[in-house]
Amino acid sequence: MVFTTIRCFSKRPNDWNVKSGFIKGGGRWPVVAFCFAVGLALYPIYVFPLYHANKYKEIQEQARAGIKQEEIQPGDMRVWSDPFLPKPDKKKQ
């Protein structure tokens, strides 16, 4: 009786295929398809703007053509500048 229970636990289940991956019928194609789908989704979000930065800079210049940033800056904040430069004294201005 003891030998039969040990023998049952030592076998792998029939639906588990060690060579092909996760479950019988699986394998590398689902992984390849998933990676391809992720790459296809990331292309228009990350890769295309990375290699076509000038196109987006032109669009941004056209969109911000009539906006004066100094006038719309909220609450006595400076317009973006280099953070490592010393702040100008308000008394001198």
PDB file of N, CA and C in Angstrom:
ATOM      1  N   MET A   1       0.815  -1.186   0.000  1.00  0.00           N
ATOM      2  CA  MET A   1       0.000   0.000   0.000  1.00  0.00           C
ATOM      3  C   MET A   1       0.865   1.258   0.000  1.00  0.00           C
ATOM      4  N   VAL A   2       1.906   1.241   0.781  1.00  0.00           N
ATOM      5  CA  VAL A   2       2.795   2.399   0.848  1.00  0.00           C
ATOM      6  C   VAL A   2       3.488   2.611  -0.488  1.00  0.00           C
ATOM      7  N   PHE A   3       3.872   1.523  -1.132  1.00  0.00           N
ATOM      8  CA  PHE A   3       4.570   1.643  -2.398  1.00  0.00           C
ATOM      9  C   PHE A   3       3.694   2.230  -3.494  1.00  0.00           C
ATOM     10  N   THR A   4       2.409   1.922  -3.476  1.00  0.00           N
ATOM     11  CA  THR A   4       1.523   2.470  -4.507  1.00  0.00           C
ATOM     12  C   THR A   4       1.311   3.970  -4.328  1.00  0.00           C
ATOM     13  N   THR A   5       1.218   4.467  -3.099  1.00  0.00           N
ATOM     14  CA  THR A   5       1.043   5.910  -2.909  1.00  0.00           C
ATOM     15  C   THR A   5       2.300   6.662  -3.294  1.00  0.00           C
ATOM     16  N   ILE A   6       3.458   6.118  -2.996  1.00  0.00           N
ATOM     17  CA  ILE A   6       4.703   6.774  -3.389  1.00  0.00           C
ATOM     18  C   ILE A   6       4.815   6.801  -4.896  1.00  0.00           C
ATOM     19  N   ARG A   7       4.409   5.686  -5.521  1.00  0.00           N
ATOM     20  CA  ARG A   7       4.465   5.629  -6.970  1.00  0.00           C
ATOM     21  C   ARG A   7       3.504   6.631  -7.598  1.00  0.00           C
ATOM     22  N   CYS A   8       2.338   6.843  -7.024  1.00  0.00           N
ATOM     23  CA  CYS A   8       1.373   7.809  -7.554  1.00  0.00           C
ATOM     24  C   CYS A   8       1.903   9.235  -7.454  1.00  0.00           C
ATOM     25  N   PHE A   9       2.567   9.553  -6.361  1.00  0.00           N
ATOM     26  CA  PHE A   9       3.076  10.903  -6.190  1.00  0.00           C
ATOM     27  C   PHE A   9       4.329  11.162  -7.009  1.00  0.00           C
ATOM     28  N   SER A  10       5.030  10.141  -7.387  1.00  0.00           N
ATOM     29  CA  SER A  10       6.263  10.345  -8.137  1.00  0.00           C
ATOM     30  C   SER A  10       5.997  10.615  -9.615  1.00  0.00           C
ATOM     31  N   LYS A  11       4.834  10.246 -10.111  1.00  0.00           N
ATOM     32  CA  LYS A  11       4.499  10.492 -11.513  1.00  0.00           C
ATOM     33  C   LYS A  11       4.007  11.922 -11.696  1.00  0.00           C
ATOM     34  N   ARG A  12       4.253  12.456 -12.852  1.00  0.00           N
ATOM     35  CA  ARG A  12       3.704  13.768 -13.196  1.00  0.00           C
ATOM     36  C   ARG A  12       2.285  13.572 -13.733  1.00  0.00           C
ATOM     37  N   PRO A  13       1.434  14.568 -13.580  1.00  0.00           N
ATOM     38  CA  PRO A  13       0.092  14.456 -14.158  1.00  0.00           C
ATOM     39  C   PRO A  13       0.166  14.338 -15.671  1.00  0.00           C
ATOM     40  N   ASN A  14      -0.833  13.745 -16.254  1.00  0.00           N
ATOM     41  CA  ASN A  14      -0.832  13.504 -17.697  1.00  0.00           C
ATOM     42  C   ASN A  14      -0.943  14.785 -18.517  1.00  0.00           C
ATOM     43  N   ASP A  15      -1.567  15.812 -17.969  1.00  0.00           N
ATOM     44  CA  ASP A  15      -1.752  17.018 -18.771  1.00  0.00           C
ATOM     45  C   ASP A  15      -0.550  17.965 -18.677  1.00  0.00           C
ATOM     46  N   TRP A  16       0.488  17.578 -17.947  1.00  0.00           N
ATOM     47  CA  TRP A  16       1.671  18.430 -17.799  1.00  0.00           C
ATOM     48  C   TRP A  16       2.729  17.970 -18.786  1.00  0.00           C
ATOM     49  N   ASN A  17       3.140  18.867 -19.668  1.00  0.00           N
ATOM     50  CA  ASN A  17       4.136  18.519 -20.662  1.00  0.00           C
ATOM     51  C   ASN A  17       5.424  19.279 -20.333  1.00  0.00           C
ATOM     52  N   VAL A  18       6.402  18.598 -19.857  1.00  0.00           N
ATOM     53  CA  VAL A  18       7.627  19.235 -19.389  1.00  0.00           C
ATOM     54  C   VAL A  18       8.399  19.854 -20.546  1.00  0.00           C
ATOM     55  N   LYS A  19       8.402  19.230 -21.693  1.00  0.00           N
ATOM     56  CA  LYS A  19       9.207  19.722 -22.810  1.00  0.00           C
ATOM     57  C   LYS A  19       8.631  20.983 -23.442  1.00  0.00           C
ATOM     58  N   SER A  20       7.320  21.122 -23.520  1.00  0.00           N
ATOM     59  CA  SER A  20       6.741  22.208 -24.302  1.00  0.00           C
ATOM     60  C   SER A  20       6.447  23.465 -23.493  1.00  0.00           C
ATOM     61  N   GLY A  21       6.513  23.451 -22.204  1.00  0.00           N
ATOM     62  CA  GLY A  21       6.274  24.677 -21.461  1.00  0.00           C
ATOM     63  C   GLY A  21       5.249  24.507 -20.390  1.00  0.00           C
ATOM     64  N   PHE A  22       4.242  25.340 -20.410  1.00  0.00           N
ATOM     65  CA  PHE A  22       3.312  25.403 -19.295  1.00  0.00           C
ATOM     66  C   PHE A  22       2.320  24.254 -19.289  1.00  0.00           C
ATOM     67  N   ILE A  23       1.422  24.217 -20.231  1.00  0.00           N
ATOM     68  CA  ILE A  23       0.385  23.190 -20.285  1.00  0.00           C
ATOM     69  C   ILE A  23       0.472  22.528 -21.651  1.00  0.00           C
ATOM     70  N   LYS A  24       0.032  21.313 -21.737  1.00  0.00           N
ATOM     71  CA  LYS A  24       0.131  20.584 -22.997  1.00  0.00           C
ATOM     72  C   LYS A  24      -0.498  21.401 -24.118  1.00  0.00           C
ATOM     73  N   GLY A  25       0.233  21.548 -25.183  1.00  0.00           N
ATOM     74  CA  GLY A  25      -0.229  22.358 -26.296  1.00  0.00           C
ATOM     75  C   GLY A  25       0.372  23.753 -26.272  1.00  0.00           C
ATOM     76  N   GLY A  26       0.996  24.141 -25.168  1.00  0.00           N
ATOM     77  CA  GLY A  26       1.642  25.451 -25.068  1.00  0.00           C
ATOM     78  C   GLY A  26       3.001  25.386 -25.721  1.00  0.00           C
ATOM     79  N   GLY A  27       3.820  26.318 -25.419  1.00  0.00           N
ATOM     80  CA  GLY A  27       5.159  26.281 -25.971  1.00  0.00           C
ATOM     81  C   GLY A  27       5.683  27.669 -26.209  1.00  0.00           C
ATOM     82  N   ARG A  28       6.511  27.789 -27.233  1.00  0.00           N
ATOM     83  CA  ARG A  28       7.142  29.078 -27.465  1.00  0.00           C
ATOM     84  C   ARG A  28       6.259  30.035 -28.252  1.00  0.00           C
ATOM     85  N   TRP A  29       5.308  29.558 -29.036  1.00  0.00           N
ATOM     86  CA  TRP A  29       4.510  30.461 -29.870  1.00  0.00           C
ATOM     87  C   TRP A  29       3.637  31.411 -29.074  1.00  0.00           C
ATOM     88  N   PRO A  30       3.013  30.983 -27.983  1.00  0.00           N
ATOM     89  CA  PRO A  30       2.275  31.976 -27.188  1.00  0.00           C
ATOM     90  C   PRO A  30       3.192  33.049 -26.602  1.00  0.00           C
ATOM     91  N   VAL A  31       4.394  32.673 -26.219  1.00  0.00           N
ATOM     92  CA  VAL A  31       5.350  33.643 -25.688  1.00  0.00           C
ATOM     93  C   VAL A  31       5.795  34.598 -26.787  1.00  0.00           C
ATOM     94  N   VAL A  32       6.076  34.077 -27.960  1.00  0.00           N
ATOM     95  CA  VAL A  32       6.481  34.912 -29.094  1.00  0.00           C
ATOM     96  C   VAL A  32       5.342  35.854 -29.480  1.00  0.00           C
ATOM     97  N   ALA A  33       4.127  35.344 -29.505  1.00  0.00           N
ATOM     98  CA  ALA A  33       2.975  36.182 -29.859  1.00  0.00           C
ATOM     99  C   ALA A  33       2.757  37.273 -28.825  1.00  0.00           C
ATOM    100  N   PHE A  34       2.930  36.959 -27.553  1.00  0.00           N
ATOM    101  CA  PHE A  34       2.778  37.962 -26.502  1.00  0.00           C
ATOM    102  C   PHE A  34       3.843  39.054 -26.627  1.00  0.00           C
ATOM    103  N   CYS A  35       5.094  38.654 -26.850  1.00  0.00           N
ATOM    104  CA  CYS A  35       6.166  39.641 -27.015  1.00  0.00           C
ATOM    105  C   CYS A  35       5.933  40.509 -28.241  1.00  0.00           C
ATOM    106  N   PHE A  36       5.458  39.918 -29.322  1.00  0.00           N
ATOM    107  CA  PHE A  36       5.157  40.682 -30.529  1.00  0.00           C
ATOM    108  C   PHE A  36       4.037  41.677 -30.266  1.00  0.00           C
ATOM    109  N   ALA A  37       3.004  41.264 -29.537  1.00  0.00           N
ATOM    110  CA  ALA A  37       1.887  42.162 -29.228  1.00  0.00           C
ATOM    111  C   ALA A  37       2.331  43.327 -28.349  1.00  0.00           C
ATOM    112  N   VAL A  38       3.189  43.056 -27.390  1.00  0.00           N
ATOM    113  CA  VAL A  38       3.705  44.138 -26.533  1.00  0.00           C
ATOM    114  C   VAL A  38       4.551  45.094 -27.356  1.00  0.00           C
ATOM    115  N   GLY A  39       5.408  44.575 -28.213  1.00  0.00           N
ATOM    116  CA  GLY A  39       6.222  45.425 -29.079  1.00  0.00           C
ATOM    117  C   GLY A  39       5.382  46.241 -30.033  1.00  0.00           C
ATOM    118  N   LEU A  40       4.347  45.645 -30.566  1.00  0.00           N
ATOM    119  CA  LEU A  40       3.447  46.358 -31.477  1.00  0.00           C
ATOM    120  C   LEU A  40       2.691  47.471 -30.756  1.00  0.00           C
ATOM    121  N   ALA A  41       2.336  47.236 -29.505  1.00  0.00           N
ATOM    122  CA  ALA A  41       1.633  48.267 -28.728  1.00  0.00           C
ATOM    123  C   ALA A  41       2.567  49.393 -28.316  1.00  0.00           C
ATOM    124  N   LEU A  42       3.826  49.090 -28.049  1.00  0.00           N
ATOM    125  CA  LEU A  42       4.769  50.114 -27.607  1.00  0.00           C
ATOM    126  C   LEU A  42       5.333  50.960 -28.741  1.00  0.00           C
ATOM    127  N   TYR A  43       5.268  50.493 -29.965  1.00  0.00           N
ATOM    128  CA  TYR A  43       5.855  51.233 -31.080  1.00  0.00           C
ATOM    129  C   TYR A  43       5.263  52.636 -31.226  1.00  0.00           C
ATOM    130  N   PRO A  44       3.941  52.798 -31.332  1.00  0.00           N
ATOM    131  CA  PRO A  44       3.433  54.165 -31.520  1.00  0.00           C
ATOM    132  C   PRO A  44       3.534  55.027 -30.259  1.00  0.00           C
ATOM    133  N   ILE A  45       3.695  54.396 -29.103  1.00  0.00           N
ATOM    134  CA  ILE A  45       3.753  55.153 -27.852  1.00  0.00           C
ATOM    135  C   ILE A  45       5.172  55.620 -27.557  1.00  0.00           C
ATOM    136  N   TYR A  46       6.160  54.790 -27.800  1.00  0.00           N
ATOM    137  CA  TYR A  46       7.523  55.106 -27.379  1.00  0.00           C
ATOM    138  C   TYR A  46       8.506  55.223 -28.545  1.00  0.00           C
ATOM    139  N   VAL A  47       8.537  54.251 -29.430  1.00  0.00           N
ATOM    140  CA  VAL A  47       9.586  54.179 -30.444  1.00  0.00           C
ATOM    141  C   VAL A  47       9.422  55.248 -31.510  1.00  0.00           C
ATOM    142  N   PHE A  48       8.233  55.435 -32.038  1.00  0.00           N
ATOM    143  CA  PHE A  48       8.025  56.416 -33.104  1.00  0.00           C
ATOM    144  C   PHE A  48       8.341  57.833 -32.647  1.00  0.00           C
ATOM    145  N   PRO A  49       7.824  58.300 -31.491  1.00  0.00           N
ATOM    146  CA  PRO A  49       8.205  59.652 -31.047  1.00  0.00           C
ATOM    147  C   PRO A  49       9.692  59.782 -30.732  1.00  0.00           C
ATOM    148  N   LEU A  50      10.327  58.714 -30.318  1.00  0.00           N
ATOM    149  CA  LEU A  50      11.749  58.764 -30.013  1.00  0.00           C
ATOM    150  C   LEU A  50      12.570  59.064 -31.261  1.00  0.00           C
ATOM    151  N   TYR A  51      12.208  58.482 -32.373  1.00  0.00           N
ATOM    152  CA  TYR A  51      12.959  58.667 -33.610  1.00  0.00           C
ATOM    153  C   TYR A  51      12.447  59.817 -34.474  1.00  0.00           C
ATOM    154  N   HIS A  52      11.303  60.403 -34.136  1.00  0.00           N
ATOM    155  CA  HIS A  52      10.745  61.521 -34.905  1.00  0.00           C
ATOM    156  C   HIS A  52      10.478  62.711 -33.988  1.00  0.00           C
ATOM    157  N   ALA A  53      11.462  63.085 -33.189  1.00  0.00           N
ATOM    158  CA  ALA A  53      11.289  64.170 -32.208  1.00  0.00           C
ATOM    159  C   ALA A  53      11.061  65.516 -32.883  1.00  0.00           C
ATOM    160  N   ASN A  54      11.670  65.754 -34.030  1.00  0.00           N
ATOM    161  CA  ASN A  54      11.513  67.049 -34.709  1.00  0.00           C
ATOM    162  C   ASN A  54      10.072  67.300 -35.120  1.00  0.00           C
ATOM    163  N   LYS A  55       9.386  66.271 -35.543  1.00  0.00           N
ATOM    164  CA  LYS A  55       7.981  66.408 -35.939  1.00  0.00           C
ATOM    165  C   LYS A  55       7.142  66.881 -34.753  1.00  0.00           C
ATOM    166  N   TYR A  56       7.385  66.302 -33.578  1.00  0.00           N
ATOM    167  CA  TYR A  56       6.623  66.674 -32.394  1.00  0.00           C
ATOM    168  C   TYR A  56       7.011  68.055 -31.881  1.00  0.00           C
ATOM    169  N   LYS A  57       8.274  68.453 -32.051  1.00  0.00           N
ATOM    170  CA  LYS A  57       8.694  69.804 -31.667  1.00  0.00           C
ATOM    171  C   LYS A  57       7.992  70.854 -32.527  1.00  0.00           C
ATOM    172  N   GLU A  58       7.863  70.589 -33.825  1.00  0.00           N
ATOM    173  CA  GLU A  58       7.163  71.526 -34.714  1.00  0.00           C
ATOM    174  C   GLU A  58       5.687  71.650 -34.334  1.00  0.00           C
ATOM    175  N   ILE A  59       5.062  70.532 -34.036  1.00  0.00           N
ATOM    176  CA  ILE A  59       3.654  70.554 -33.628  1.00  0.00           C
ATOM    177  C   ILE A  59       3.493  71.340 -32.335  1.00  0.00           C
ATOM    178  N   GLN A  60       4.409  71.176 -31.400  1.00  0.00           N
ATOM    179  CA  GLN A  60       4.347  71.877 -30.124  1.00  0.00           C
ATOM    180  C   GLN A  60       4.564  73.377 -30.312  1.00  0.00           C
ATOM    181  N   GLU A  61       5.466  73.778 -31.187  1.00  0.00           N
ATOM    182  CA  GLU A  61       5.682  75.201 -31.465  1.00  0.00           C
ATOM    183  C   GLU A  61       4.434  75.828 -32.079  1.00  0.00           C
ATOM    184  N   GLN A  62       3.776  75.131 -32.974  1.00  0.00           N
ATOM    185  CA  GLN A  62       2.558  75.659 -33.585  1.00  0.00           C
ATOM    186  C   GLN A  62       1.436  75.767 -32.558  1.00  0.00           C
ATOM    187  N   ALA A  63       1.334  74.801 -31.671  1.00  0.00           N
ATOM    188  CA  ALA A  63       0.256  74.812 -30.683  1.00  0.00           C
ATOM    189  C   ALA A  63       0.461  75.899 -29.635  1.00  0.00           C
ATOM    190  N   ARG A  64       1.705  76.242 -29.329  1.00  0.00           N
ATOM    191  CA  ARG A  64       2.000  77.243 -28.307  1.00  0.00           C
ATOM    192  C   ARG A  64       2.371  78.610 -28.885  1.00  0.00           C
ATOM    193  N   ALA A  65       2.042  78.843 -30.148  1.00  0.00           N
ATOM    194  CA  ALA A  65       2.470  80.069 -30.822  1.00  0.00           C
ATOM    195  C   ALA A  65       1.921  81.327 -30.150  1.00  0.00           C
ATOM    196  N   GLY A  66       0.675  81.372 -29.731  1.00  0.00           N
ATOM    197  CA  GLY A  66       0.086  82.584 -29.178  1.00  0.00           C
ATOM    198  C   GLY A  66       0.109  82.655 -27.665  1.00  0.00           C
ATOM    199  N   ILE A  67       0.810  81.764 -27.013  1.00  0.00           N
ATOM    200  CA  ILE A  67       0.795  81.715 -25.554  1.00  0.00           C
ATOM    201  C   ILE A  67       2.071  82.347 -25.005  1.00  0.00           C
ATOM    202  N   LYS A  68       1.901  83.305 -24.107  1.00  0.00           N
ATOM    203  CA  LYS A  68       3.047  83.893 -23.408  1.00  0.00           C
ATOM    204  C   LYS A  68       3.115  83.240 -22.037  1.00  0.00           C
ATOM    205  N   GLN A  69       4.134  82.478 -21.823  1.00  0.00           N
ATOM    206  CA  GLN A  69       4.227  81.671 -20.613  1.00  0.00           C
ATOM    207  C   GLN A  69       4.362  82.531 -19.359  1.00  0.00           C
ATOM    208  N   GLU A  70       4.981  83.701 -19.473  1.00  0.00           N
ATOM    209  CA  GLU A  70       5.144  84.568 -18.309  1.00  0.00           C
ATOM    210  C   GLU A  70       3.802  85.060 -17.776  1.00  0.00           C
ATOM    211  N   GLU A  71       2.827  85.246 -18.668  1.00  0.00           N
ATOM    212  CA  GLU A  71       1.517  85.758 -18.262  1.00  0.00           C
ATOM    213  C   GLU A  71       0.648  84.700 -17.600  1.00  0.00           C
ATOM    214  N   ILE A  72       0.813  83.453 -17.972  1.00  0.00           N
ATOM    215  CA  ILE A  72      -0.066  82.415 -17.435  1.00  0.00           C
ATOM    216  C   ILE A  72       0.579  81.595 -16.325  1.00  0.00           C
ATOM    217  N   GLN A  73       1.806  81.938 -15.955  1.00  0.00           N
ATOM    218  CA  GLN A  73       2.496  81.202 -14.903  1.00  0.00           C
ATOM    219  C   GLN A  73       1.790  81.444 -13.569  1.00  0.00           C
ATOM    220  N   PRO A  74       1.393  80.406 -12.843  1.00  0.00           N
ATOM    221  CA  PRO A  74       0.629  80.601 -11.613  1.00  0.00           C
ATOM    222  C   PRO A  74       1.492  81.033 -10.432  1.00  0.00           C
ATOM    223  N   GLY A  75       0.914  81.809  -9.567  1.00  0.00           N
ATOM    224  CA  GLY A  75       1.408  82.115  -8.239  1.00  0.00           C
ATOM    225  C   GLY A  75       2.843  82.523  -8.072  1.00  0.00           C
ATOM    226  N   ASP A  76       3.303  83.557  -8.713  1.00  0.00           N
ATOM    227  CA  ASP A  76       4.637  84.108  -8.505  1.00  0.00           C
ATOM    228  C   ASP A  76       5.736  83.063  -8.697  1.00  0.00           C
ATOM    229  N   MET A  77       5.502  82.127  -9.576  1.00  0.00           N
ATOM    230  CA  MET A  77       6.520  81.113  -9.862  1.00  0.00           C
ATOM    231  C   MET A  77       7.296  81.530 -11.095  1.00  0.00           C
ATOM    232  N   ARG A  78       8.551  81.184 -11.114  1.00  0.00           N
ATOM    233  CA  ARG A  78       9.372  81.504 -12.275  1.00  0.00           C
ATOM    234  C   ARG A  78       9.029  80.554 -13.422  1.00  0.00           C
ATOM    235  N   VAL A  79       9.229  81.036 -14.629  1.00  0.00           N
ATOM    236  CA  VAL A  79       9.122  80.167 -15.794  1.00  0.00           C
ATOM    237  C   VAL A  79      10.309  79.213 -15.708  1.00  0.00           C
ATOM    238  N   TRP A  80      10.166  78.014 -16.237  1.00  0.00           N
ATOM    239  CA  TRP A  80      11.212  77.010 -16.068  1.00  0.00           C
ATOM    240  C   TRP A  80      12.552  77.561 -16.500  1.00  0.00           C
ATOM    241  N   SER A  81      13.534  77.291 -15.679  1.00  0.00           N
ATOM    242  CA  SER A  81      14.908  77.657 -15.981  1.00  0.00           C
ATOM    243  C   SER A  81      15.808  76.572 -15.424  1.00  0.00           C
ATOM    244  N   ASP A  82      17.085  76.746 -15.595  1.00  0.00           N
ATOM    245  CA  ASP A  82      18.040  75.755 -15.116  1.00  0.00           C
ATOM    246  C   ASP A  82      17.986  75.696 -13.589  1.00  0.00           C
ATOM    247  N   PRO A  83      17.701  74.548 -12.994  1.00  0.00           N
ATOM    248  CA  PRO A  83      17.560  74.461 -11.547  1.00  0.00           C
ATOM    249  C   PRO A  83      18.868  74.648 -10.789  1.00  0.00           C
ATOM    250  N   PHE A  84      19.997  74.596 -11.472  1.00  0.00           N
ATOM    251  CA  PHE A  84      21.281  74.728 -10.801  1.00  0.00           C
ATOM    252  C   PHE A  84      21.800  76.166 -10.768  1.00  0.00           C
ATOM    253  N   LEU A  85      21.127  77.065 -11.450  1.00  0.00           N
ATOM    254  CA  LEU A  85      21.511  78.471 -11.383  1.00  0.00           C
ATOM    255  C   LEU A  85      20.991  79.070 -10.084  1.00  0.00           C
ATOM    256  N   PRO A  86      21.713  80.038  -9.521  1.00  0.00           N
ATOM    257  CA  PRO A  86      21.203  80.672  -8.292  1.00  0.00           C
ATOM    258  C   PRO A  86      19.970  81.512  -8.599  1.00  0.00           C
ATOM    259  N   LYS A  87      19.076  81.588  -7.616  1.00  0.00           N
ATOM    260  CA  LYS A  87      17.859  82.360  -7.791  1.00  0.00           C
ATOM    261  C   LYS A  87      18.192  83.857  -7.767  1.00  0.00           C
ATOM    262  N   PRO A  88      17.564  84.624  -8.640  1.00  0.00           N
ATOM    263  CA  PRO A  88      17.825  86.070  -8.613  1.00  0.00           C
ATOM    264  C   PRO A  88      17.161  86.703  -7.391  1.00  0.00           C
ATOM    265  N   ASP A  89      17.803  87.724  -6.841  1.00  0.00           N
ATOM    266  CA  ASP A  89      17.240  88.429  -5.690  1.00  0.00           C
ATOM    267  C   ASP A  89      16.074  89.297  -6.150  1.00  0.00           C
ATOM    268  N   LYS A  90      14.971  89.272  -5.373  1.00  0.00           N
ATOM    269  CA  LYS A  90      13.803  90.086  -5.722  1.00  0.00           C
ATOM    270  C   LYS A  90      14.056  91.552  -5.385  1.00  0.00           C
ATOM    271  N   LYS A  91      14.960  91.837  -4.450  1.00  0.00           N
ATOM    272  CA  LYS A  91      15.235  93.217  -4.060  1.00  0.00           C
ATOM    273  C   LYS A  91      15.920  93.990  -5.157  1.00  0.00           C
ATOM    274  N   LYS A  92      16.766  93.326  -5.926  1.00  0.00           N
ATOM    275  CA  LYS A  92      17.511  93.993  -7.002  1.00  0.00           C
ATOM    276  C   LYS A  92      16.609  94.337  -8.178  1.00  0.00           C
ATOM    277  N   GLN A  93      15.548  93.604  -8.360  1.00  0.00           N
ATOM    278  CA  GLN A  93      14.689  93.834  -9.532  1.00  0.00           C
ATOM    279  C   GLN A  93      13.778  94.934  -9.294  1.00  0.00           C
TER     280      GLN A  93
END
